[in-house]
Amino acid sequence: MPSDTSRRAYHHGDLRQAVLAAALDVIATEGPGALSLRDLARRAGVSHAAPAHHFKDRTGLLTAIAAQGYDLLADALADAPDLRERGVRYVRFAAAHPAHFQVMFQPDLHRADDPELLAAKERASTELRAGVTGLAATSADPRTAGIAAWSLAHGFATLLLTHNLDDPLAGRDPGEAFRSLAGLTFGRDGAGDTGGSDHS
């Protein structure tokens, strides 16, 4: 049976968001491969054809989820003071939005030419690149350093979401753990205040 929340969302005209929310629940528990528009329609309490009105098909739905995720990531990264703090926010974004994170980085799930997705990806990329500008005065190549920083944050986030860090972290806050790790990797000269004390 669909939840009262889903029914209210539909009757208030927000079917699109109701279907997105149901899809994110499925992805978080079962992965993107378990998505079915028919099942999502049942969860939202609408006809099986209703989700297709907004998303056309499963790929359209996953594309919308990816676009939403990149927008949320861009918002999370905005105004971070340096590269390390962008990494911390990246990790915390992944922990807060695991379903989005699963979909965003699997391009075979999306329509690569979707305008909303392209715009959202560019927003997120701009915020990621902004963290590398502080490296320009160092001997490090900013582009290579940016790839290294992204690899570190993305790898950490992926290990976190797949529970491979449960024992190593032993209950420690993932953002704080990443902040220390980034300081060890990049040092004080890597990205603003990236070494020394482990502050918030």
C-alpha atoms as a PDB file:
ATOM      1  CA  MET A   1       0.000   0.000   0.000  1.00  0.00           C
ATOM      2  CA  PRO A   2       1.285   3.500  -0.761  1.00  0.00           C
ATOM      3  CA  SER A   3       2.037   5.702   2.219  1.00  0.00           C
ATOM      4  CA  ASP A   4      -0.201   8.596   3.239  1.00  0.00           C
ATOM      5  CA  THR A   5       2.720  10.871   2.399  1.00  0.00           C
ATOM      6  CA  SER A   6       2.851   9.545  -1.167  1.00  0.00           C
ATOM      7  CA  ARG A   7      -0.898   9.961  -1.608  1.00  0.00           C
ATOM      8  CA  ARG A   8      -0.817  13.519  -0.257  1.00  0.00           C
ATOM      9  CA  ALA A   9       2.122  14.393  -2.516  1.00  0.00           C
ATOM     10  CA  TYR A  10       0.215  13.108  -5.527  1.00  0.00           C
ATOM     11  CA  HIS A  11      -3.033  14.857  -4.668  1.00  0.00           C
ATOM     12  CA  HIS A  12      -1.113  18.086  -4.149  1.00  0.00           C
ATOM     13  CA  GLY A  13       0.177  17.762  -7.698  1.00  0.00           C
ATOM     14  CA  ASP A  14       3.746  16.794  -6.830  1.00  0.00           C
ATOM     15  CA  LEU A  15       3.730  13.381  -8.454  1.00  0.00           C
ATOM     16  CA  ARG A  16       7.209  13.927  -9.876  1.00  0.00           C
ATOM     17  CA  GLN A  17       8.748  14.434  -6.438  1.00  0.00           C
ATOM     18  CA  ALA A  18       6.759  11.533  -4.978  1.00  0.00           C
ATOM     19  CA  VAL A  19       8.131   9.188  -7.635  1.00  0.00           C
ATOM     20  CA  LEU A  20      11.680  10.514  -7.137  1.00  0.00           C
ATOM     21  CA  ALA A  21      11.430   9.969  -3.381  1.00  0.00           C
ATOM     22  CA  ALA A  22      10.147   6.420  -3.879  1.00  0.00           C
ATOM     23  CA  ALA A  23      12.934   5.730  -6.375  1.00  0.00           C
ATOM     24  CA  LEU A  24      15.592   6.966  -3.953  1.00  0.00           C
ATOM     25  CA  ASP A  25      14.227   4.636  -1.271  1.00  0.00           C
ATOM     26  CA  VAL A  26      14.486   1.672  -3.651  1.00  0.00           C
ATOM     27  CA  ILE A  27      18.012   2.571  -4.773  1.00  0.00           C
ATOM     28  CA  ALA A  28      19.227   3.052  -1.202  1.00  0.00           C
ATOM     29  CA  THR A  29      18.051  -0.418  -0.179  1.00  0.00           C
ATOM     30  CA  GLU A  30      18.245  -2.471  -3.383  1.00  0.00           C
ATOM     31  CA  GLY A  31      20.362  -0.531  -5.896  1.00  0.00           C
ATOM     32  CA  PRO A  32      19.496   1.122  -9.236  1.00  0.00           C
ATOM     33  CA  GLY A  33      18.925  -2.230 -10.923  1.00  0.00           C
ATOM     34  CA  ALA A  34      15.800  -2.796  -8.842  1.00  0.00           C
ATOM     35  CA  LEU A  35      13.986   0.260 -10.215  1.00  0.00           C
ATOM     36  CA  SER A  36      10.703  -0.291 -12.046  1.00  0.00           C
ATOM     37  CA  LEU A  37       8.313   2.485 -13.064  1.00  0.00           C
ATOM     38  CA  ARG A  38       5.384   0.156 -12.475  1.00  0.00           C
ATOM     39  CA  ASP A  39       6.551  -0.599  -8.932  1.00  0.00           C
ATOM     40  CA  LEU A  40       7.167   3.085  -8.241  1.00  0.00           C
ATOM     41  CA  ALA A  41       3.666   3.913  -9.459  1.00  0.00           C
ATOM     42  CA  ARG A  42       2.290   1.359  -7.013  1.00  0.00           C
ATOM     43  CA  ARG A  43       4.321   2.876  -4.191  1.00  0.00           C
ATOM     44  CA  ALA A  44       3.067   6.369  -5.061  1.00  0.00           C
ATOM     45  CA  GLY A  45      -0.523   5.135  -5.371  1.00  0.00           C
ATOM     46  CA  VAL A  46      -1.022   6.184  -9.001  1.00  0.00           C
ATOM     47  CA  SER A  47      -1.642   4.453 -12.316  1.00  0.00           C
ATOM     48  CA  HIS A  48       1.282   2.569 -13.822  1.00  0.00           C
ATOM     49  CA  ALA A  49       1.426   5.086 -16.690  1.00  0.00           C
ATOM     50  CA  ALA A  50       1.649   8.174 -14.467  1.00  0.00           C
ATOM     51  CA  PRO A  51       5.445   8.146 -13.821  1.00  0.00           C
ATOM     52  CA  ALA A  52       6.108   7.863 -17.544  1.00  0.00           C
ATOM     53  CA  HIS A  53       4.309  11.189 -18.001  1.00  0.00           C
ATOM     54  CA  HIS A  54       7.147  12.888 -16.092  1.00  0.00           C
ATOM     55  CA  PHE A  55      10.152  10.698 -16.878  1.00  0.00           C
ATOM     56  CA  LYS A  56       9.214   8.798 -20.079  1.00  0.00           C
ATOM     57  CA  ASP A  57      11.146   5.725 -18.978  1.00  0.00           C
ATOM     58  CA  ARG A  58      13.523   4.281 -16.400  1.00  0.00           C
ATOM     59  CA  THR A  59      16.534   6.016 -17.965  1.00  0.00           C
ATOM     60  CA  GLY A  60      14.721   9.343 -17.761  1.00  0.00           C
ATOM     61  CA  LEU A  61      14.055   8.780 -14.075  1.00  0.00           C
ATOM     62  CA  LEU A  62      17.685   7.885 -13.350  1.00  0.00           C
ATOM     63  CA  THR A  63      18.825  10.925 -15.325  1.00  0.00           C
ATOM     64  CA  ALA A  64      16.598  13.141 -13.180  1.00  0.00           C
ATOM     65  CA  ILE A  65      18.034  11.568 -10.019  1.00  0.00           C
ATOM     66  CA  ALA A  66      21.594  12.183 -11.242  1.00  0.00           C
ATOM     67  CA  ALA A  67      20.803  15.813 -12.113  1.00  0.00           C
ATOM     68  CA  GLN A  68      19.243  16.354  -8.696  1.00  0.00           C
ATOM     69  CA  GLY A  69      22.294  14.768  -7.090  1.00  0.00           C
ATOM     70  CA  TYR A  70      24.768  17.012  -8.901  1.00  0.00           C
ATOM     71  CA  ASP A  71      22.750  20.076  -7.889  1.00  0.00           C
ATOM     72  CA  LEU A  72      22.772  18.930  -4.269  1.00  0.00           C
ATOM     73  CA  LEU A  73      26.518  18.298  -4.478  1.00  0.00           C
ATOM     74  CA  ALA A  74      27.144  21.772  -5.917  1.00  0.00           C
ATOM     75  CA  ASP A  75      25.129  23.289  -3.067  1.00  0.00           C
ATOM     76  CA  ALA A  76      27.104  21.246  -0.533  1.00  0.00           C
ATOM     77  CA  LEU A  77      30.465  22.369  -1.954  1.00  0.00           C
ATOM     78  CA  ALA A  78      29.604  26.047  -2.331  1.00  0.00           C
ATOM     79  CA  ASP A  79      31.722  28.466  -0.284  1.00  0.00           C
ATOM     80  CA  ALA A  80      33.995  25.791   1.173  1.00  0.00           C
ATOM     81  CA  PRO A  81      37.200  27.592   2.167  1.00  0.00           C
ATOM     82  CA  ASP A  82      39.729  25.212   0.585  1.00  0.00           C
ATOM     83  CA  LEU A  83      40.259  21.948  -1.234  1.00  0.00           C
ATOM     84  CA  ARG A  84      40.344  19.824   1.893  1.00  0.00           C
ATOM     85  CA  GLU A  85      37.029  21.202   3.135  1.00  0.00           C
ATOM     86  CA  ARG A  86      35.483  20.515  -0.260  1.00  0.00           C
ATOM     87  CA  GLY A  87      36.603  16.926   0.204  1.00  0.00           C
ATOM     88  CA  VAL A  88      35.010  16.796   3.649  1.00  0.00           C
ATOM     89  CA  ARG A  89      31.752  18.121   2.215  1.00  0.00           C
ATOM     90  CA  TYR A  90      31.949  15.641  -0.648  1.00  0.00           C
ATOM     91  CA  VAL A  91      32.195  12.767   1.824  1.00  0.00           C
ATOM     92  CA  ARG A  92      29.354  14.142   3.925  1.00  0.00           C
ATOM     93  CA  PHE A  93      27.218  14.610   0.815  1.00  0.00           C
ATOM     94  CA  ALA A  94      27.738  10.940  -0.087  1.00  0.00           C
ATOM     95  CA  ALA A  95      26.817   9.848   3.438  1.00  0.00           C
ATOM     96  CA  ALA A  96      23.660  11.991   3.412  1.00  0.00           C
ATOM     97  CA  HIS A  97      22.586  11.101  -0.153  1.00  0.00           C
ATOM     98  CA  PRO A  98      23.756   7.521  -0.807  1.00  0.00           C
ATOM     99  CA  ALA A  99      21.140   6.782  -3.479  1.00  0.00           C
ATOM    100  CA  HIS A 100      22.022   9.889  -5.488  1.00  0.00           C
ATOM    101  CA  PHE A 101      25.708   9.057  -5.145  1.00  0.00           C
ATOM    102  CA  GLN A 102      25.163   5.536  -6.521  1.00  0.00           C
ATOM    103  CA  VAL A 103      23.458   6.880  -9.647  1.00  0.00           C
ATOM    104  CA  MET A 104      25.490  10.017 -10.377  1.00  0.00           C
ATOM    105  CA  PHE A 105      28.726   8.294 -11.308  1.00  0.00           C
ATOM    106  CA  GLN A 106      27.303   5.544 -13.499  1.00  0.00           C
ATOM    107  CA  PRO A 107      26.997   7.297 -16.885  1.00  0.00           C
ATOM    108  CA  ASP A 108      25.554   4.190 -18.517  1.00  0.00           C
ATOM    109  CA  LEU A 109      22.400   4.831 -16.473  1.00  0.00           C
ATOM    110  CA  HIS A 110      21.822   8.375 -17.799  1.00  0.00           C
ATOM    111  CA  ARG A 111      21.005  10.277 -20.953  1.00  0.00           C
ATOM    112  CA  ALA A 112      24.361  11.959 -21.443  1.00  0.00           C
ATOM    113  CA  ASP A 113      22.918  14.828 -23.498  1.00  0.00           C
ATOM    114  CA  ASP A 114      20.138  15.771 -21.059  1.00  0.00           C
ATOM    115  CA  PRO A 115      20.290  19.585 -20.597  1.00  0.00           C
ATOM    116  CA  GLU A 116      19.381  19.525 -16.890  1.00  0.00           C
ATOM    117  CA  LEU A 117      21.982  16.880 -16.164  1.00  0.00           C
ATOM    118  CA  LEU A 118      24.670  18.744 -18.120  1.00  0.00           C
ATOM    119  CA  ALA A 119      23.918  22.008 -16.297  1.00  0.00           C
ATOM    120  CA  ALA A 120      23.956  20.325 -12.887  1.00  0.00           C
ATOM    121  CA  LYS A 121      27.228  18.511 -13.640  1.00  0.00           C
ATOM    122  CA  GLU A 122      28.819  21.783 -14.719  1.00  0.00           C
ATOM    123  CA  ARG A 123      27.718  23.464 -11.469  1.00  0.00           C
ATOM    124  CA  ALA A 124      29.282  20.678  -9.420  1.00  0.00           C
ATOM    125  CA  SER A 125      32.451  20.644 -11.548  1.00  0.00           C
ATOM    126  CA  THR A 126      32.840  24.402 -11.122  1.00  0.00           C
ATOM    127  CA  GLU A 127      32.657  24.025  -7.346  1.00  0.00           C
ATOM    128  CA  LEU A 128      35.154  21.161  -7.393  1.00  0.00           C
ATOM    129  CA  ARG A 129      37.554  23.140  -9.590  1.00  0.00           C
ATOM    130  CA  ALA A 130      37.278  26.173  -7.310  1.00  0.00           C
ATOM    131  CA  GLY A 131      38.980  24.207  -4.571  1.00  0.00           C
ATOM    132  CA  VAL A 132      42.042  23.683  -6.756  1.00  0.00           C
ATOM    133  CA  THR A 133      42.701  27.381  -7.412  1.00  0.00           C
ATOM    134  CA  GLY A 134      44.654  27.660  -4.166  1.00  0.00           C
ATOM    135  CA  LEU A 135      47.169  25.179  -5.541  1.00  0.00           C
ATOM    136  CA  ALA A 136      48.249  27.484  -8.351  1.00  0.00           C
ATOM    137  CA  ALA A 137      51.024  29.028  -6.267  1.00  0.00           C
ATOM    138  CA  THR A 138      52.516  25.673  -5.362  1.00  0.00           C
ATOM    139  CA  SER A 139      54.739  23.371  -7.373  1.00  0.00           C
ATOM    140  CA  ALA A 140      51.836  20.961  -7.877  1.00  0.00           C
ATOM    141  CA  ASP A 141      50.037  20.944 -11.208  1.00  0.00           C
ATOM    142  CA  PRO A 142      46.520  22.120 -10.286  1.00  0.00           C
ATOM    143  CA  ARG A 143      44.755  19.778 -12.714  1.00  0.00           C
ATOM    144  CA  THR A 144      46.659  16.718 -11.501  1.00  0.00           C
ATOM    145  CA  ALA A 145      46.209  17.763  -7.873  1.00  0.00           C
ATOM    146  CA  GLY A 146      42.498  18.190  -8.496  1.00  0.00           C
ATOM    147  CA  ILE A 147      42.238  14.661  -9.882  1.00  0.00           C
ATOM    148  CA  ALA A 148      44.178  13.358  -6.889  1.00  0.00           C
ATOM    149  CA  ALA A 149      41.904  15.190  -4.446  1.00  0.00           C
ATOM    150  CA  TRP A 150      38.739  13.993  -6.197  1.00  0.00           C
ATOM    151  CA  SER A 151      40.061  10.428  -6.283  1.00  0.00           C
ATOM    152  CA  LEU A 152      40.795  10.570  -2.570  1.00  0.00           C
ATOM    153  CA  ALA A 153      37.364  11.961  -1.644  1.00  0.00           C
ATOM    154  CA  HIS A 154      35.443   9.720  -4.046  1.00  0.00           C
ATOM    155  CA  GLY A 155      37.354   6.611  -3.021  1.00  0.00           C
ATOM    156  CA  PHE A 156      36.821   7.367   0.655  1.00  0.00           C
ATOM    157  CA  ALA A 157      33.099   8.006   0.084  1.00  0.00           C
ATOM    158  CA  THR A 158      32.706   4.787  -1.913  1.00  0.00           C
ATOM    159  CA  LEU A 159      34.451   2.729   0.765  1.00  0.00           C
ATOM    160  CA  LEU A 160      32.260   4.417   3.372  1.00  0.00           C
ATOM    161  CA  LEU A 161      28.990   3.641   1.578  1.00  0.00           C
ATOM    162  CA  THR A 162      29.972   0.027   0.975  1.00  0.00           C
ATOM    163  CA  HIS A 163      30.737  -0.363   4.712  1.00  0.00           C
ATOM    164  CA  ASN A 164      34.386  -1.149   4.119  1.00  0.00           C
ATOM    165  CA  LEU A 165      35.360   1.573   6.607  1.00  0.00           C
ATOM    166  CA  ASP A 166      33.080   0.456   9.430  1.00  0.00           C
ATOM    167  CA  ASP A 167      35.891  -1.229  11.351  1.00  0.00           C
ATOM    168  CA  PRO A 168      38.713   1.215  10.516  1.00  0.00           C
ATOM    169  CA  LEU A 169      36.600   4.229  11.509  1.00  0.00           C
ATOM    170  CA  ALA A 170      35.257   2.512  14.641  1.00  0.00           C
ATOM    171  CA  GLY A 171      32.410   4.998  14.970  1.00  0.00           C
ATOM    172  CA  ARG A 172      34.492   8.089  14.189  1.00  0.00           C
ATOM    173  CA  ASP A 173      32.796  10.860  12.205  1.00  0.00           C
ATOM    174  CA  PRO A 174      33.630  10.216   8.514  1.00  0.00           C
ATOM    175  CA  GLY A 175      34.077  13.907   7.728  1.00  0.00           C
ATOM    176  CA  GLU A 176      36.589  14.355  10.526  1.00  0.00           C
ATOM    177  CA  ALA A 177      38.413  11.184   9.502  1.00  0.00           C
ATOM    178  CA  PHE A 178      38.663  12.423   5.923  1.00  0.00           C
ATOM    179  CA  ARG A 179      39.903  15.829   7.073  1.00  0.00           C
ATOM    180  CA  SER A 180      42.825  14.158   8.830  1.00  0.00           C
ATOM    181  CA  LEU A 181      43.494  11.875   5.872  1.00  0.00           C
ATOM    182  CA  ALA A 182      43.559  14.797   3.444  1.00  0.00           C
ATOM    183  CA  GLY A 183      45.965  16.656   5.709  1.00  0.00           C
ATOM    184  CA  LEU A 184      48.329  13.699   5.670  1.00  0.00           C
ATOM    185  CA  THR A 185      48.080  13.427   1.893  1.00  0.00           C
ATOM    186  CA  PHE A 186      48.368  17.059   0.817  1.00  0.00           C
ATOM    187  CA  GLY A 187      50.111  18.710   3.768  1.00  0.00           C
ATOM    188  CA  ARG A 188      49.814  22.366   4.711  1.00  0.00           C
ATOM    189  CA  ASP A 189      50.947  23.552   1.269  1.00  0.00           C
ATOM    190  CA  GLY A 190      48.463  21.401  -0.635  1.00  0.00           C
ATOM    191  CA  ALA A 191      45.162  23.236  -0.310  1.00  0.00           C
ATOM    192  CA  GLY A 192      44.938  26.111   2.057  1.00  0.00           C
ATOM    193  CA  ASP A 193      44.868  24.981   5.703  1.00  0.00           C
ATOM    194  CA  THR A 194      45.195  21.275   5.059  1.00  0.00           C
ATOM    195  CA  GLY A 195      47.538  20.142   7.771  1.00  0.00           C
ATOM    196  CA  GLY A 196      48.194  20.616  11.427  1.00  0.00           C
ATOM    197  CA  SER A 197      45.311  20.549  13.886  1.00  0.00           C
ATOM    198  CA  ASP A 198      42.184  18.593  13.057  1.00  0.00           C
ATOM    199  CA  HIS A 199      39.667  21.403  13.362  1.00  0.00           C
ATOM    200  CA  SER A 200      36.033  21.709  12.277  1.00  0.00           C
END
